[in-house]
Amino acid sequence: MLRDLTDKMLEFERIEESVVLMNILASVYHTQKI
């Protein structure tokens, strides 16, 4: 059970990191477009 919990937390962290990366890429793309 503890392992499942840590796996889910790690997965969530990974998802959050990719969302942050996508936001950075999006803002860079928009500033270059203008």
N, C-alpha and C. Protein backbone atom coordinates (compact mmCIF):
# COMPACT_ATOMS: atom_id res chain seq x y z
N MET A 1 0.83 -1.20 0.00
CA MET A 1 0.00 0.00 0.00
C MET A 1 0.87 1.26 0.00
N LEU A 2 1.90 1.28 0.83
CA LEU A 2 2.78 2.44 0.89
C LEU A 2 3.48 2.65 -0.45
N ARG A 3 3.86 1.56 -1.07
CA ARG A 3 4.54 1.65 -2.37
C ARG A 3 3.61 2.24 -3.42
N ASP A 4 2.35 1.79 -3.40
CA ASP A 4 1.38 2.34 -4.35
C ASP A 4 1.22 3.84 -4.16
N LEU A 5 1.20 4.26 -2.90
CA LEU A 5 1.03 5.68 -2.59
C LEU A 5 2.22 6.49 -3.12
N THR A 6 3.44 6.00 -2.89
CA THR A 6 4.61 6.73 -3.36
C THR A 6 4.66 6.74 -4.88
N ASP A 7 4.25 5.62 -5.51
CA ASP A 7 4.22 5.57 -6.97
C ASP A 7 3.26 6.63 -7.51
N LYS A 8 2.10 6.75 -6.88
CA LYS A 8 1.13 7.75 -7.33
C LYS A 8 1.67 9.16 -7.12
N MET A 9 2.35 9.39 -6.01
CA MET A 9 2.92 10.71 -5.74
C MET A 9 3.99 11.05 -6.77
N LEU A 10 4.84 10.06 -7.09
CA LEU A 10 5.88 10.28 -8.09
C LEU A 10 5.25 10.57 -9.45
N GLU A 11 4.19 9.83 -9.77
CA GLU A 11 3.51 10.03 -11.04
C GLU A 11 2.93 11.44 -11.10
N PHE A 12 2.33 11.87 -9.99
CA PHE A 12 1.74 13.21 -9.93
C PHE A 12 2.82 14.27 -10.11
N GLU A 13 3.97 14.07 -9.48
CA GLU A 13 5.07 15.03 -9.62
C GLU A 13 5.51 15.12 -11.07
N ARG A 14 5.57 13.97 -11.72
CA ARG A 14 5.99 13.95 -13.12
C ARG A 14 4.99 14.70 -13.99
N ILE A 15 3.70 14.49 -13.71
CA ILE A 15 2.66 15.18 -14.47
C ILE A 15 2.77 16.69 -14.24
N GLU A 16 2.97 17.09 -13.00
CA GLU A 16 3.10 18.51 -12.68
C GLU A 16 4.30 19.11 -13.41
N GLU A 17 5.43 18.39 -13.42
CA GLU A 17 6.62 18.89 -14.09
C GLU A 17 6.37 19.07 -15.58
N SER A 18 5.70 18.11 -16.21
CA SER A 18 5.45 18.22 -17.65
C SER A 18 4.48 19.36 -17.95
N VAL A 19 3.54 19.60 -17.03
CA VAL A 19 2.62 20.72 -17.21
C VAL A 19 3.39 22.04 -17.15
N VAL A 20 4.30 22.14 -16.20
CA VAL A 20 5.13 23.35 -16.08
C VAL A 20 5.97 23.53 -17.34
N LEU A 21 6.57 22.44 -17.82
CA LEU A 21 7.37 22.52 -19.04
C LEU A 21 6.52 22.97 -20.22
N MET A 22 5.31 22.43 -20.33
CA MET A 22 4.43 22.81 -21.43
C MET A 22 4.05 24.28 -21.33
N ASN A 23 3.82 24.78 -20.12
CA ASN A 23 3.50 26.20 -19.94
C ASN A 23 4.67 27.08 -20.36
N ILE A 24 5.89 26.67 -20.00
CA ILE A 24 7.08 27.43 -20.39
C ILE A 24 7.22 27.45 -21.91
N LEU A 25 7.08 26.27 -22.52
CA LEU A 25 7.18 26.18 -23.98
C LEU A 25 6.12 27.04 -24.65
N ALA A 26 4.91 27.02 -24.11
CA ALA A 26 3.81 27.80 -24.70
C ALA A 26 4.11 29.30 -24.62
N SER A 27 4.59 29.77 -23.48
CA SER A 27 4.88 31.20 -23.33
C SER A 27 6.04 31.61 -24.24
N VAL A 28 7.05 30.75 -24.36
CA VAL A 28 8.18 31.04 -25.26
C VAL A 28 7.67 31.11 -26.69
N TYR A 29 6.82 30.17 -27.07
CA TYR A 29 6.26 30.14 -28.43
C TYR A 29 5.47 31.41 -28.71
N HIS A 30 4.66 31.84 -27.75
CA HIS A 30 3.83 33.03 -27.94
C HIS A 30 4.69 34.29 -28.05
N THR A 31 5.75 34.39 -27.25
CA THR A 31 6.59 35.59 -27.31
C THR A 31 7.36 35.63 -28.62
N GLN A 32 7.75 34.48 -29.15
CA GLN A 32 8.46 34.44 -30.43
C GLN A 32 7.52 34.77 -31.59
N LYS A 33 6.25 34.38 -31.44
CA LYS A 33 5.26 34.63 -32.48
C LYS A 33 5.01 36.13 -32.63
N ILE A 34 5.06 36.85 -31.51
CA ILE A 34 4.80 38.30 -31.52
C ILE A 34 6.08 39.02 -31.92
